Amino acid sequence: MIKILVMSIGRLIKMDKAIITLTKGGIKLGLKLLNEYEDSVLYINKRFDICGDRILKIQNNIQSLIPQIFHKYRCLIFIMATGIVVRVIAPHIKNKTVDPAVIVIDEKGKNVISLLSGHLGFANEYTLDIARRLNSNPVITTSSDVNETLAVDTIAIKSNCIIENMKNATKVTAHIVNGEMVGIESQINIDFRLPYNIKIIRNSKDYSAYKGIIFITNENMKLPRNIDAVLLRPKNLIIGIGCRRGIDKEKIISAIKDALNKANKSILSVKKIATIDLKKDEKGILEAAKYMNVPLEIISSGKVKEIEHKFQTSDFVKKSIGVGAVAEPVAVLASNKGRLILNKRKYDGITIALVEEGDC
């Protein structure tokens, strides 16, 4: 199960950043950042008599605070020595796919350091923005940024993709940073500038000129064995679901996986699940969407009625719920000009349809 990141809420503002400082000098800079970012909170030592809506007191010590907040915010901004920060966050670091961005700033605000999750956590972007606002020196040490090239994880972010295997991504990124030729074979359009040593491969399976290959596809495939390669999964599949009342989560997830396998598609490419408004409270569907960490889009019965004539309908279903088809029309309506790639399939009280959108 993919963990869902739950953010704290301050009034109506989604809290994205936590600023942490322990000294009087750090508070001055912390308050400035607090004013710059409405989506932030400031943690200060409890001995300082400063109050505010978004100012929180550190009740014990920083070592006890970090486990409470490390995965609560997307970005942690420490105004203190780098050595302290390294020691207190070290026990909580997992991997770059789940760790928050960690930024370190000195008390005078001279240097803003991107310390952790520079790419996938957007620490580099946060660093550049903070440095601009403070008129400070941004310190970014990731090789691809220093060499003005693109790491695989940056390519994934720019193309709205999920990296299937981070170890493979690291191997391919090493070739990019070392100036070696890497190819991209992609189902989707690449609409951003690539460095000189990354080339788009079109209509060819000859990879002899490349040290690494990036495959951007929603299809299940085996990677070539004789070259470093990585799969990036575009989020462009819509799952349409209809079901009887009371179907449990496990059966729905099993049906989804089987339908994806039938279409030879990766579960990592699922963008959302769609169903009809009559099923908006269906526990099994809600829990399946949560398990897959994708949004559930509810389509109104009225919209389904408008296009149901385009699909195979069931008199029994129409008599039961007022529309003759669910899975196919809701999937199409929830997509951006998508096309059906798997017509409705029935699974013991569950109906699944699959739509692919975008420029695949």
Protein backbone atom coordinates (compact mmCIF):
# COMPACT_ATOMS: atom_id res chain seq x y z
CA MET A 1 0.00 0.00 0.00
CA ILE A 2 1.31 3.44 -0.90
CA LYS A 3 1.28 5.73 2.12
CA ILE A 4 -0.87 8.84 1.85
CA LEU A 5 0.80 12.00 3.14
CA VAL A 6 -1.53 13.80 5.52
CA MET A 7 -0.84 17.51 5.90
CA SER A 8 -1.82 19.56 8.94
CA ILE A 9 -4.43 22.25 8.44
CA GLY A 10 -4.19 25.76 9.83
CA ARG A 11 -7.60 27.40 9.49
CA LEU A 12 -8.32 27.16 5.76
CA ILE A 13 -4.66 27.07 4.68
CA LYS A 14 -2.87 23.83 3.94
CA MET A 15 0.34 23.80 5.99
CA ASP A 16 3.16 22.88 3.66
CA LYS A 17 6.28 24.10 5.48
CA ALA A 18 7.58 23.89 9.03
CA ILE A 19 10.23 26.41 10.09
CA ILE A 20 12.25 25.28 13.12
CA THR A 21 14.64 27.37 15.17
CA LEU A 22 16.05 27.32 18.70
CA THR A 23 17.67 30.73 19.16
CA LYS A 24 16.66 34.37 19.44
CA GLY A 25 18.55 35.21 16.25
CA GLY A 26 16.83 32.38 14.43
CA ILE A 27 13.40 33.61 15.52
CA LYS A 28 13.90 36.94 13.77
CA LEU A 29 14.59 35.18 10.47
CA GLY A 30 11.85 32.61 11.16
CA LEU A 31 9.25 35.34 11.59
CA LYS A 32 10.32 36.84 8.28
CA LEU A 33 9.84 33.50 6.53
CA LEU A 34 6.52 33.01 8.33
CA ASN A 35 5.31 36.26 6.77
CA GLU A 36 6.64 35.22 3.35
CA TYR A 37 4.84 31.87 3.33
CA GLU A 38 1.21 31.67 4.42
CA ASP A 39 1.39 27.88 4.22
CA SER A 40 4.00 27.67 6.98
CA VAL A 41 4.25 27.29 10.76
CA LEU A 42 7.11 28.32 13.03
CA TYR A 43 8.42 26.10 15.83
CA ILE A 44 10.41 27.94 18.51
CA ASN A 45 11.91 27.16 21.91
CA LYS A 46 9.24 27.34 24.61
CA ARG A 47 11.35 29.74 26.72
CA PHE A 48 10.73 32.58 24.27
CA ASP A 49 7.61 34.63 25.04
CA ILE A 50 6.38 35.01 21.46
CA CYS A 51 2.86 34.03 20.39
CA GLY A 52 0.91 33.90 17.16
CA ASP A 53 -1.60 31.87 15.17
CA ARG A 54 1.12 29.92 13.38
CA ILE A 55 3.77 29.94 16.09
CA LEU A 56 4.18 26.67 17.98
CA LYS A 57 6.33 25.98 21.04
CA ILE A 58 8.84 23.11 21.22
CA GLN A 59 7.83 21.60 24.55
CA ASN A 60 10.79 19.30 25.21
CA ASN A 61 13.71 19.30 22.81
CA ILE A 62 14.33 19.13 19.07
CA GLN A 63 15.10 15.40 19.24
CA SER A 64 11.56 14.71 20.45
CA LEU A 65 10.01 17.16 17.98
CA ILE A 66 11.42 15.69 14.76
CA PRO A 67 9.61 12.31 14.84
CA GLN A 68 6.33 14.21 15.29
CA ILE A 69 6.79 16.47 12.27
CA PHE A 70 9.19 14.73 9.88
CA HIS A 71 6.46 13.31 7.65
CA LYS A 72 3.80 15.85 8.58
CA TYR A 73 5.06 18.61 6.28
CA ARG A 74 6.41 18.62 2.77
CA CYS A 75 9.27 20.94 3.65
CA LEU A 76 11.26 21.37 6.88
CA ILE A 77 13.24 24.61 7.11
CA PHE A 78 15.85 24.59 9.89
CA ILE A 79 17.46 27.84 10.98
CA MET A 80 20.50 26.41 12.75
CA ALA A 81 23.82 24.66 12.15
CA THR A 82 23.86 21.94 9.50
CA GLY A 83 25.54 19.50 11.88
CA ILE A 84 22.64 19.67 14.33
CA VAL A 85 20.13 19.09 11.56
CA VAL A 86 22.00 16.09 10.16
CA ARG A 87 22.08 14.44 13.59
CA VAL A 88 18.42 14.98 14.45
CA ILE A 89 16.95 13.92 11.09
CA ALA A 90 19.26 10.93 10.46
CA PRO A 91 17.14 8.34 12.36
CA HIS A 92 14.03 9.31 10.37
CA ILE A 93 15.38 9.30 6.82
CA LYS A 94 13.85 6.48 4.71
CA ASN A 95 14.28 7.14 1.00
CA LYS A 96 13.91 9.93 -1.51
CA THR A 97 10.42 8.85 -2.57
CA VAL A 98 8.90 9.61 0.86
CA ASP A 99 11.33 11.91 2.69
CA PRO A 100 10.35 15.59 2.94
CA ALA A 101 12.45 18.42 1.58
CA VAL A 102 14.94 19.56 4.21
CA ILE A 103 16.43 23.06 4.03
CA VAL A 104 19.07 24.56 6.34
CA ILE A 105 19.61 28.32 6.78
CA ASP A 106 22.18 30.08 8.95
CA GLU A 107 20.87 32.64 11.48
CA LYS A 108 22.00 35.59 9.36
CA GLY A 109 20.22 34.21 6.31
CA LYS A 110 23.38 34.30 4.20
CA ASN A 111 23.15 30.74 2.87
CA VAL A 112 20.14 28.56 2.06
CA ILE A 113 21.17 24.90 1.76
CA SER A 114 19.22 22.15 0.02
CA LEU A 115 20.05 19.23 2.32
CA LEU A 116 17.61 16.40 1.56
CA SER A 117 15.20 15.37 -1.24
CA GLY A 118 16.50 17.89 -3.73
CA HIS A 119 14.54 16.53 -6.68
CA LEU A 120 11.54 14.39 -5.70
CA GLY A 121 10.96 16.44 -2.54
CA PHE A 122 11.49 19.73 -4.43
CA ALA A 123 14.13 20.88 -1.91
CA ASN A 124 16.13 22.50 -4.71
CA GLU A 125 13.08 24.50 -5.83
CA TYR A 126 12.27 25.50 -2.26
CA THR A 127 15.89 26.56 -1.76
CA LEU A 128 15.93 28.77 -4.82
CA ASP A 129 12.64 30.42 -3.85
CA ILE A 130 13.70 31.06 -0.24
CA ALA A 131 17.07 32.45 -1.38
CA ARG A 132 15.32 34.80 -3.79
CA ARG A 133 13.01 36.11 -1.06
CA LEU A 134 15.86 36.56 1.44
CA ASN A 135 18.39 37.76 -1.13
CA SER A 136 20.61 34.89 0.03
CA ASN A 137 23.05 32.44 -1.54
CA PRO A 138 21.35 29.18 -2.61
CA VAL A 139 23.52 26.10 -2.02
CA ILE A 140 22.57 23.15 -4.23
CA THR A 141 24.93 20.19 -4.53
CA THR A 142 23.04 17.58 -6.59
CA SER A 143 25.28 16.57 -9.50
CA SER A 144 22.71 17.01 -12.24
CA ASP A 145 21.95 20.58 -11.13
CA VAL A 146 25.62 21.52 -10.70
CA ASN A 147 26.32 20.17 -14.19
CA GLU A 148 23.16 21.76 -15.59
CA THR A 149 21.70 18.48 -16.77
CA LEU A 150 18.66 16.37 -15.82
CA ALA A 151 18.51 13.46 -13.39
CA VAL A 152 15.97 10.70 -14.02
CA ASP A 153 13.91 11.84 -11.04
CA THR A 154 13.78 15.37 -12.47
CA ILE A 155 12.63 13.98 -15.82
CA ALA A 156 9.95 12.03 -13.95
CA ILE A 157 8.71 15.17 -12.20
CA LYS A 158 8.67 17.21 -15.42
CA SER A 159 6.72 14.52 -17.27
CA ASN A 160 4.37 13.73 -14.35
CA CYS A 161 5.60 10.16 -14.06
CA ILE A 162 6.29 7.64 -11.31
CA ILE A 163 9.69 5.95 -11.19
CA GLU A 164 9.21 2.20 -11.02
CA ASN A 165 12.64 1.34 -9.59
CA MET A 166 14.87 3.91 -7.89
CA LYS A 167 18.01 1.75 -8.15
CA ASN A 168 17.60 1.62 -11.92
CA ALA A 169 17.01 5.38 -11.95
CA THR A 170 20.26 5.96 -10.06
CA LYS A 171 22.23 3.87 -12.58
CA VAL A 172 20.82 5.77 -15.56
CA THR A 173 21.29 9.13 -13.85
CA ALA A 174 24.97 8.29 -13.34
CA HIS A 175 25.37 7.92 -17.11
CA ILE A 176 23.66 11.28 -17.68
CA VAL A 177 25.81 13.12 -15.13
CA ASN A 178 28.97 11.53 -16.56
CA GLY A 179 28.13 12.93 -19.98
CA GLU A 180 27.35 9.56 -21.57
CA MET A 181 24.56 9.13 -24.11
CA VAL A 182 21.15 8.13 -22.76
CA GLY A 183 18.04 7.52 -24.84
CA ILE A 184 14.37 8.13 -24.08
CA GLU A 185 11.71 5.92 -25.64
CA SER A 186 8.41 7.56 -24.71
CA GLN A 187 4.67 7.07 -25.22
CA ILE A 188 4.06 10.70 -24.26
CA ASN A 189 5.32 13.96 -25.67
CA ILE A 190 8.46 15.41 -24.07
CA ASP A 191 7.76 19.14 -23.99
CA PHE A 192 10.83 20.32 -22.06
CA ARG A 193 14.43 20.86 -23.15
CA LEU A 194 16.77 17.91 -22.84
CA PRO A 195 20.55 18.17 -22.37
CA TYR A 196 22.83 17.31 -25.27
CA ASN A 197 23.43 13.72 -24.11
CA ILE A 198 19.77 12.67 -23.80
CA LYS A 199 18.13 11.81 -27.11
CA ILE A 200 14.59 10.82 -28.06
CA ILE A 201 14.50 7.38 -29.69
CA ARG A 202 11.89 7.01 -32.41
CA ASN A 203 10.96 3.80 -34.26
CA SER A 204 14.12 1.92 -33.38
CA LYS A 205 15.09 -0.90 -31.04
CA ASP A 206 18.82 -0.42 -31.63
CA TYR A 207 20.20 0.82 -28.30
CA SER A 208 23.87 0.23 -29.11
CA ALA A 209 24.67 3.95 -29.17
CA TYR A 210 23.45 4.47 -25.60
CA LYS A 211 24.73 3.69 -22.11
CA GLY A 212 21.25 3.91 -20.62
CA ILE A 213 17.61 3.98 -21.69
CA ILE A 214 14.59 5.68 -20.11
CA PHE A 215 11.30 4.04 -21.07
CA ILE A 216 8.24 6.24 -20.46
CA THR A 217 5.25 3.94 -20.83
CA ASN A 218 2.17 2.65 -19.05
CA GLU A 219 2.64 -0.81 -20.60
CA ASN A 220 3.98 -3.80 -18.68
CA MET A 221 7.31 -4.66 -20.27
CA LYS A 222 10.62 -6.35 -19.56
CA LEU A 223 13.69 -4.16 -19.58
CA PRO A 224 16.58 -5.09 -21.89
CA ARG A 225 19.29 -7.04 -20.07
CA ASN A 226 22.37 -5.68 -21.81
CA ILE A 227 21.94 -2.00 -20.87
CA ASP A 228 21.04 0.08 -17.81
CA ALA A 229 17.37 1.03 -18.13
CA VAL A 230 14.54 2.45 -16.06
CA LEU A 231 10.76 2.60 -16.40
CA LEU A 232 8.84 5.82 -15.83
CA ARG A 233 5.07 5.44 -15.52
CA PRO A 234 2.90 8.31 -16.85
CA LYS A 235 -0.28 8.93 -14.84
CA ASN A 236 -2.77 8.58 -17.68
CA LEU A 237 -5.11 5.68 -16.93
CA ILE A 238 -8.66 6.08 -15.65
CA ILE A 239 -10.45 3.17 -13.98
CA GLY A 240 -14.25 3.20 -14.28
CA ILE A 241 -16.06 1.12 -11.66
CA GLY A 242 -19.61 -0.02 -11.06
CA CYS A 243 -20.54 -2.59 -8.42
CA ARG A 244 -23.24 -4.12 -6.27
CA ARG A 245 -23.72 -2.80 -2.77
CA GLY A 246 -21.42 -4.20 -0.14
CA ILE A 247 -18.54 -5.46 -2.31
CA ASP A 248 -15.38 -5.34 -0.20
CA LYS A 249 -12.14 -3.55 -1.00
CA GLU A 250 -10.10 -6.68 -1.66
CA LYS A 251 -12.45 -7.90 -4.42
CA ILE A 252 -12.45 -4.50 -6.10
CA ILE A 253 -8.66 -4.22 -5.99
CA SER A 254 -8.33 -7.75 -7.37
CA ALA A 255 -10.70 -6.87 -10.24
CA ILE A 256 -8.73 -3.70 -11.01
CA LYS A 257 -5.44 -5.60 -11.09
CA ASP A 258 -6.87 -8.27 -13.36
CA ALA A 259 -8.32 -5.67 -15.75
CA LEU A 260 -4.95 -3.88 -15.90
CA ASN A 261 -3.19 -7.16 -16.62
CA LYS A 262 -5.69 -7.93 -19.39
CA ALA A 263 -4.84 -4.56 -20.95
CA ASN A 264 -1.09 -5.04 -20.26
CA LYS A 265 -1.00 -1.81 -18.23
CA SER A 266 0.87 -0.85 -15.05
CA ILE A 267 -1.02 -0.06 -11.85
CA LEU A 268 1.47 2.79 -11.29
CA SER A 269 -0.06 4.61 -14.27
CA VAL A 270 -3.54 4.81 -12.74
CA LYS A 271 -4.40 8.49 -12.42
CA LYS A 272 -7.83 8.17 -10.79
CA ILE A 273 -10.83 5.96 -10.21
CA ALA A 274 -14.28 7.07 -11.36
CA THR A 275 -17.75 5.93 -10.42
CA ILE A 276 -21.33 7.20 -10.52
CA ASP A 277 -22.86 9.45 -7.84
CA LEU A 278 -25.13 6.59 -6.73
CA LYS A 279 -21.97 4.85 -5.51
CA LYS A 280 -20.29 7.85 -3.89
CA ASP A 281 -20.57 6.28 -0.42
CA GLU A 282 -19.67 2.75 -1.48
CA LYS A 283 -17.11 1.70 1.12
CA GLY A 284 -15.26 -0.80 -1.07
CA ILE A 285 -14.67 1.75 -3.84
CA LEU A 286 -13.61 4.45 -1.38
CA GLU A 287 -11.15 2.12 0.31
CA ALA A 288 -9.78 0.85 -3.02
CA ALA A 289 -9.01 4.42 -4.11
CA LYS A 290 -7.34 5.09 -0.76
CA TYR A 291 -5.28 1.90 -1.02
CA MET A 292 -4.07 2.89 -4.50
CA ASN A 293 -3.46 6.48 -3.34
CA VAL A 294 -5.46 7.94 -6.24
CA PRO A 295 -8.43 10.33 -6.22
CA LEU A 296 -11.98 9.08 -6.66
CA GLU A 297 -14.02 11.16 -9.10
CA ILE A 298 -17.79 11.04 -8.78
CA ILE A 299 -19.74 11.45 -12.02
CA SER A 300 -23.37 12.55 -11.90
CA SER A 301 -26.11 10.24 -13.17
CA GLY A 302 -27.30 13.05 -15.43
CA LYS A 303 -23.98 13.19 -17.27
CA VAL A 304 -23.95 9.42 -17.64
CA LYS A 305 -27.45 9.47 -19.16
CA GLU A 306 -26.28 11.97 -21.75
CA ILE A 307 -23.70 9.60 -23.23
CA GLU A 308 -24.83 6.09 -22.20
CA HIS A 309 -26.24 5.50 -25.69
CA LYS A 310 -22.65 5.29 -26.93
CA PHE A 311 -22.02 2.14 -24.89
CA GLN A 312 -23.50 -1.31 -24.47
CA THR A 313 -26.25 -0.98 -21.87
CA SER A 314 -28.05 -3.38 -19.57
CA ASP A 315 -31.80 -3.28 -19.07
CA PHE A 316 -31.34 -4.84 -15.63
CA VAL A 317 -28.87 -2.15 -14.57
CA LYS A 318 -31.10 0.60 -15.98
CA LYS A 319 -34.10 -0.73 -14.06
CA SER A 320 -32.02 -0.97 -10.87
CA ILE A 321 -30.25 2.41 -10.83
CA GLY A 322 -31.74 4.46 -13.67
CA VAL A 323 -28.82 4.25 -16.13
CA GLY A 324 -27.91 1.39 -18.41
CA ALA A 325 -24.11 1.60 -18.12
CA VAL A 326 -21.67 2.83 -15.47
CA ALA A 327 -18.03 1.73 -15.80
CA GLU A 328 -17.42 2.81 -19.38
CA PRO A 329 -19.20 6.20 -19.39
CA VAL A 330 -17.80 7.33 -16.02
CA ALA A 331 -14.26 6.43 -17.10
CA VAL A 332 -14.63 8.40 -20.34
CA LEU A 333 -16.25 11.38 -18.58
CA ALA A 334 -13.50 11.47 -15.94
CA SER A 335 -10.75 11.52 -18.56
CA ASN A 336 -9.24 14.26 -20.66
CA LYS A 337 -10.33 13.21 -24.15
CA GLY A 338 -9.54 9.62 -23.27
CA ARG A 339 -10.25 6.49 -25.26
CA LEU A 340 -11.50 3.15 -24.05
CA ILE A 341 -8.71 0.60 -24.12
CA LEU A 342 -10.59 -2.08 -22.17
CA ASN A 343 -14.34 -2.42 -22.54
CA LYS A 344 -16.28 -3.28 -19.41
CA ARG A 345 -15.36 -6.55 -17.79
CA LYS A 346 -17.54 -8.25 -15.18
CA TYR A 347 -16.14 -9.68 -11.94
CA ASP A 348 -18.83 -11.18 -9.68
CA GLY A 349 -20.78 -8.01 -8.95
CA ILE A 350 -18.08 -5.63 -10.14
CA THR A 351 -17.71 -4.00 -13.55
CA ILE A 352 -14.40 -2.44 -14.61
CA ALA A 353 -13.53 -0.37 -17.68
CA LEU A 354 -10.22 1.24 -18.56
CA VAL A 355 -9.59 4.53 -20.37
CA GLU A 356 -6.26 5.94 -21.51
CA GLU A 357 -5.91 9.69 -21.89
CA GLY A 358 -3.34 12.08 -23.22
CA ASP A 359 -1.09 11.73 -26.22
CA CYS A 360 -0.20 8.03 -25.94
